[in-house]
């Protein structure tokens, strides 16, 4: 806190008589200036240490992502050589986008959309794949589309359209201090790459990280939707429902 002091600099002529009250004020300001200087040095040092630690963690995350991808490639090759089928691992992360407005929506789906924080058209949120979430999505399927986002999609969304919820206010994530001040002590997340890793891997602090992010406000997709009245998996083809990996193409057009 001391680095934020606004210290007034006073100058006095040599040999002039100075009242005791002024002497006291000058001494106090000098002490405050000294405190401010020390606090600034300490803050710069801690920020440099945090940056270095975040850089190391980012490199570890990249190794982890690469190792996971390589493991999947090896398992697919092994299954192919053995003449077997490789069952892809189940997704842990969902990205849900609202594609319908508020007109002619019955109360129950409206409440579910509110609980999912999808209050506006083209709002998007990250959700964990579990039974309660999938049951809620069944109730609002004609109004949303969802799928399994890739690492690239998660990173681009947070970096380009990431806003934080700080004291119930929508704050742009302009630097790592916004994340560190709100999630550093509670969750150990000190930067954008920590947040990306926590969201993508659905870590132990996923709930806090997801709630920290304000629902993404996406644009209308370039080229438009195909047909909102029909489901994505129907023979005719449409937009609502589960897109699985093809959600990444839609988000790329909306981001």
Protein backbone atom coordinates (compact mmCIF):
# COMPACT_ATOMS: atom_id res chain seq x y z
CA UNK A 1 0.00 0.00 0.00
CA UNK A 2 2.89 2.34 0.78
CA UNK A 3 3.93 2.53 -2.89
CA UNK A 4 0.68 4.35 -3.63
CA UNK A 5 1.36 7.25 -1.22
CA UNK A 6 1.21 10.70 -2.83
CA UNK A 7 4.03 12.45 -0.95
CA UNK A 8 4.29 16.22 -1.15
CA UNK A 9 7.78 17.64 -1.63
CA UNK A 10 8.40 20.84 0.37
CA UNK A 11 11.43 23.12 0.04
CA UNK A 12 12.52 25.70 2.63
CA UNK A 13 15.01 28.55 2.41
CA UNK A 14 18.27 28.18 4.33
CA UNK A 15 18.46 30.02 7.65
CA UNK A 16 14.72 30.72 7.69
CA UNK A 17 12.80 30.21 10.90
CA UNK A 18 10.50 27.23 10.52
CA UNK A 19 7.48 26.68 12.78
CA UNK A 20 7.39 23.44 14.75
CA UNK A 21 4.26 22.27 12.94
CA UNK A 22 5.98 22.65 9.55
CA UNK A 23 9.06 20.78 10.84
CA UNK A 24 6.80 17.95 11.98
CA UNK A 25 5.08 17.83 8.57
CA UNK A 26 8.39 17.81 6.68
CA UNK A 27 9.73 14.99 8.86
CA UNK A 28 6.53 13.01 8.35
CA UNK A 29 6.67 13.48 4.55
CA UNK A 30 10.33 12.41 4.50
CA UNK A 31 9.44 9.22 6.41
CA UNK A 32 6.57 8.53 4.02
CA UNK A 33 8.81 9.11 0.99
CA UNK A 34 11.33 6.65 2.43
CA UNK A 35 8.57 4.07 3.00
CA UNK A 36 7.29 4.60 -0.54
CA UNK A 37 10.74 4.09 -2.07
CA UNK A 38 11.30 0.86 -0.12
CA UNK A 39 7.82 -0.41 -1.01
CA UNK A 40 8.39 0.32 -4.72
CA UNK A 41 11.69 -1.58 -4.68
CA UNK A 42 10.05 -4.53 -2.89
CA UNK A 43 7.12 -4.52 -5.32
CA UNK A 44 9.41 -4.48 -8.37
CA UNK A 45 11.39 -7.38 -6.93
CA UNK A 46 8.26 -9.45 -6.18
CA UNK A 47 6.84 -8.74 -9.66
CA UNK A 48 10.10 -9.86 -11.28
CA UNK A 49 10.05 -13.08 -9.21
CA UNK A 50 6.39 -13.71 -10.14
CA UNK A 51 7.14 -13.16 -13.84
CA UNK A 52 10.04 -15.61 -13.70
CA UNK A 53 7.93 -18.20 -11.86
CA UNK A 54 5.05 -17.75 -14.34
CA UNK A 55 7.48 -18.18 -17.24
CA UNK A 56 8.71 -21.49 -15.78
CA UNK A 57 5.15 -22.69 -15.16
CA UNK A 58 4.16 -21.75 -18.73
CA UNK A 59 7.03 -23.86 -20.10
CA UNK A 60 5.90 -26.78 -17.90
CA UNK A 61 2.32 -26.39 -19.15
CA UNK A 62 3.52 -26.49 -22.77
CA UNK A 63 5.47 -29.70 -22.05
CA UNK A 64 2.37 -31.18 -20.40
CA UNK A 65 0.13 -30.34 -23.39
CA UNK A 66 2.70 -31.75 -25.84
CA UNK A 67 3.08 -34.95 -23.80
CA UNK A 68 -0.69 -35.47 -23.71
CA UNK A 69 -0.99 -35.00 -27.47
CA UNK A 70 1.93 -37.37 -28.11
CA UNK A 71 0.44 -39.98 -25.77
CA UNK A 72 -2.85 -39.93 -27.71
CA UNK A 73 -0.98 -40.23 -31.03
CA UNK A 74 1.03 -43.22 -29.70
CA UNK A 75 -2.12 -44.95 -28.41
CA UNK A 76 -3.92 -44.45 -31.74
CA UNK A 77 -0.94 -45.89 -33.64
CA UNK A 78 -0.66 -48.82 -31.23
CA UNK A 79 -4.37 -49.62 -31.66
CA UNK A 80 -4.10 -49.39 -35.46
CA UNK A 81 -1.08 -51.71 -35.58
CA UNK A 82 -2.87 -54.23 -33.36
CA UNK A 83 -6.03 -54.07 -35.48
CA UNK A 84 -8.03 -52.66 -32.56
CA UNK A 85 -10.25 -49.61 -32.08
CA UNK A 86 -9.01 -46.70 -30.00
CA UNK A 87 -11.68 -45.11 -27.82
CA UNK A 88 -10.99 -41.40 -27.49
CA UNK A 89 -10.93 -40.08 -23.89
CA UNK A 90 -14.14 -38.42 -22.71
CA UNK A 91 -14.13 -34.64 -22.79
CA UNK A 92 -14.01 -32.82 -19.45
CA UNK A 93 -14.70 -29.27 -20.66
CA UNK A 94 -17.69 -27.74 -22.46
CA UNK A 95 -18.12 -24.33 -24.04
CA UNK A 96 -21.78 -23.32 -24.30
CA UNK A 97 -23.04 -20.48 -26.52
CA UNK A 98 -26.56 -19.05 -26.42
CA UNK A 99 -27.96 -18.68 -29.95
CA UNK A 100 -31.56 -17.55 -29.23
CA UNK A 101 -32.84 -14.30 -27.67
CA UNK A 102 -35.49 -13.86 -24.96
CA UNK A 103 -38.69 -13.89 -27.04
CA UNK A 104 -41.13 -16.81 -26.52
CA UNK A 105 -39.00 -18.73 -24.01
CA UNK A 106 -40.95 -20.54 -21.30
CA UNK A 107 -40.08 -19.88 -17.62
CA UNK A 108 -38.18 -23.11 -16.93
CA UNK A 109 -35.61 -22.85 -19.78
CA UNK A 110 -35.31 -19.14 -19.04
CA UNK A 111 -34.37 -19.95 -15.42
CA UNK A 112 -31.87 -22.61 -16.51
CA UNK A 113 -30.20 -20.18 -18.92
CA UNK A 114 -29.98 -17.68 -16.06
CA UNK A 115 -28.35 -20.31 -13.81
CA UNK A 116 -25.84 -21.06 -16.59
CA UNK A 117 -25.10 -17.30 -16.76
CA UNK A 118 -26.29 -17.15 -20.39
CA UNK A 119 -28.45 -14.05 -20.04
CA UNK A 120 -27.86 -12.52 -23.48
CA UNK A 121 -27.72 -13.63 -27.10
CA UNK A 122 -24.24 -14.93 -28.13
CA UNK A 123 -23.06 -15.20 -24.52
CA UNK A 124 -20.63 -18.06 -23.88
CA UNK A 125 -19.37 -19.84 -20.75
CA UNK A 126 -17.03 -22.70 -19.83
CA UNK A 127 -18.67 -25.60 -17.98
CA UNK A 128 -17.46 -28.85 -16.47
CA UNK A 129 -18.87 -32.05 -17.99
CA UNK A 130 -20.92 -33.78 -15.29
CA UNK A 131 -24.40 -35.22 -14.89
CA UNK A 132 -26.17 -32.11 -13.45
CA UNK A 133 -24.78 -29.86 -16.21
CA UNK A 134 -25.79 -32.31 -18.96
CA UNK A 135 -29.31 -32.56 -17.48
CA UNK A 136 -29.58 -28.75 -17.47
CA UNK A 137 -28.36 -28.58 -21.06
CA UNK A 138 -31.09 -31.03 -22.10
CA UNK A 139 -33.70 -28.54 -20.86
CA UNK A 140 -32.27 -25.68 -22.95
CA UNK A 141 -30.96 -27.57 -26.01
CA UNK A 142 -33.05 -25.65 -28.59
CA UNK A 143 -31.60 -22.37 -27.33
CA UNK A 144 -27.85 -23.18 -27.09
CA UNK A 145 -25.07 -24.89 -28.98
CA UNK A 146 -22.07 -26.43 -27.26
CA UNK A 147 -19.03 -28.57 -27.77
CA UNK A 148 -15.52 -29.43 -26.64
CA UNK A 149 -13.10 -26.48 -27.07
CA UNK A 150 -9.45 -27.01 -27.97
CA UNK A 151 -6.50 -25.45 -26.15
CA UNK A 152 -6.14 -22.87 -28.93
CA UNK A 153 -9.80 -21.86 -28.59
CA UNK A 154 -9.60 -21.52 -24.79
CA UNK A 155 -6.45 -19.41 -25.04
CA UNK A 156 -7.83 -17.12 -27.76
CA UNK A 157 -11.10 -16.55 -25.89
CA UNK A 158 -9.35 -15.59 -22.64
CA UNK A 159 -6.72 -13.40 -24.30
CA UNK A 160 -9.06 -11.65 -26.74
CA UNK A 161 -12.42 -11.49 -24.94
CA UNK A 162 -11.48 -12.19 -21.33
CA UNK A 163 -13.14 -9.98 -18.71
CA UNK A 164 -12.99 -10.53 -14.96
CA UNK A 165 -15.74 -10.21 -12.37
CA UNK A 166 -14.23 -7.98 -9.65
CA UNK A 167 -16.59 -6.59 -6.98
CA UNK A 168 -19.53 -7.41 -9.30
CA UNK A 169 -17.96 -5.25 -12.00
CA UNK A 170 -16.80 -6.25 -15.51
CA UNK A 171 -13.06 -5.52 -15.62
CA UNK A 172 -10.88 -6.09 -18.70
CA UNK A 173 -7.99 -8.53 -18.11
CA UNK A 174 -5.23 -6.20 -19.27
CA UNK A 175 -2.40 -7.72 -17.23
CA UNK A 176 -1.63 -10.58 -14.84
CA UNK A 177 -2.15 -8.45 -11.73
CA UNK A 178 -5.95 -8.57 -12.25
CA UNK A 179 -5.80 -12.37 -11.99
CA UNK A 180 -3.17 -12.47 -9.24
CA UNK A 181 -5.02 -10.01 -6.98
CA UNK A 182 -8.25 -12.03 -7.10
CA UNK A 183 -7.16 -15.65 -7.51
CA UNK A 184 -3.54 -15.60 -6.31
CA UNK A 185 -4.02 -16.33 -2.60
CA UNK A 186 -7.15 -18.48 -2.90
CA UNK A 187 -6.28 -20.62 -5.93
CA UNK A 188 -2.60 -20.03 -6.70
CA UNK A 189 -3.36 -18.56 -10.13
CA UNK A 190 -1.07 -15.61 -10.91
CA UNK A 191 -1.32 -15.12 -14.67
CA UNK A 192 -3.24 -15.70 -17.88
CA UNK A 193 -1.44 -18.99 -18.63
CA UNK A 194 -2.32 -20.28 -15.14
CA UNK A 195 -5.96 -19.42 -15.85
CA UNK A 196 -5.86 -21.09 -19.30
CA UNK A 197 -4.32 -24.24 -17.78
CA UNK A 198 -6.88 -24.39 -14.95
CA UNK A 199 -9.81 -24.00 -17.37
CA UNK A 200 -8.53 -26.36 -20.08
CA UNK A 201 -7.52 -29.18 -17.71
CA UNK A 202 -10.60 -28.64 -15.47
CA UNK A 203 -8.37 -28.42 -12.41
CA UNK A 204 -9.37 -28.39 -8.72
CA UNK A 205 -10.03 -24.63 -8.82
CA UNK A 206 -12.09 -24.72 -12.03
CA UNK A 207 -15.22 -23.42 -10.32
CA UNK A 208 -13.48 -20.31 -8.94
CA UNK A 209 -11.63 -19.69 -12.23
CA UNK A 210 -14.81 -20.05 -14.31
CA UNK A 211 -16.83 -17.78 -12.01
CA UNK A 212 -14.01 -15.23 -12.06
CA UNK A 213 -14.43 -14.93 -15.84
CA UNK A 214 -17.37 -12.79 -16.94
CA UNK A 215 -19.53 -14.61 -19.54
CA UNK A 216 -17.93 -14.08 -22.96
CA UNK A 217 -19.78 -11.63 -25.22
CA UNK A 218 -19.22 -13.01 -28.70
CA UNK A 219 -20.11 -11.47 -32.06
CA UNK A 220 -22.58 -12.92 -34.55
CA UNK A 221 -20.74 -15.59 -36.60
CA UNK A 222 -19.20 -14.53 -39.89
CA UNK A 223 -21.34 -16.09 -42.62
CA UNK A 224 -24.26 -16.48 -40.21
CA UNK A 225 -25.98 -19.54 -38.74
CA UNK A 226 -27.38 -22.31 -40.93
CA UNK A 227 -30.85 -22.80 -39.38
CA UNK A 228 -31.54 -22.11 -35.70
CA UNK A 229 -34.84 -24.03 -35.77
CA UNK A 230 -33.12 -27.37 -36.36
CA UNK A 231 -30.51 -29.31 -34.42
CA UNK A 232 -26.91 -29.70 -35.53
CA UNK A 233 -27.22 -33.51 -35.57
CA UNK A 234 -30.49 -33.62 -37.55
CA UNK A 235 -30.45 -34.89 -41.15
CA UNK A 236 -31.48 -31.47 -42.44
CA UNK A 237 -28.72 -29.84 -40.42
CA UNK A 238 -29.07 -26.89 -38.08
CA UNK A 239 -27.38 -25.08 -35.25
CA UNK A 240 -28.58 -26.00 -31.75
CA UNK A 241 -27.24 -28.95 -29.82
CA UNK A 242 -23.94 -30.73 -29.32
CA UNK A 243 -21.27 -29.99 -31.97
CA UNK A 244 -18.42 -31.77 -30.17
CA UNK A 245 -15.08 -30.66 -31.74
CA UNK A 246 -16.68 -28.54 -34.48
CA UNK A 247 -17.55 -25.90 -31.85
CA UNK A 248 -14.01 -24.61 -32.43
CA UNK A 249 -14.86 -23.60 -36.01
CA UNK A 250 -17.99 -21.73 -34.81
CA UNK A 251 -16.09 -19.91 -32.04
CA UNK A 252 -13.40 -18.90 -34.56
CA UNK A 253 -16.14 -17.23 -36.63
CA UNK A 254 -17.67 -15.54 -33.57
CA UNK A 255 -14.46 -14.44 -31.81
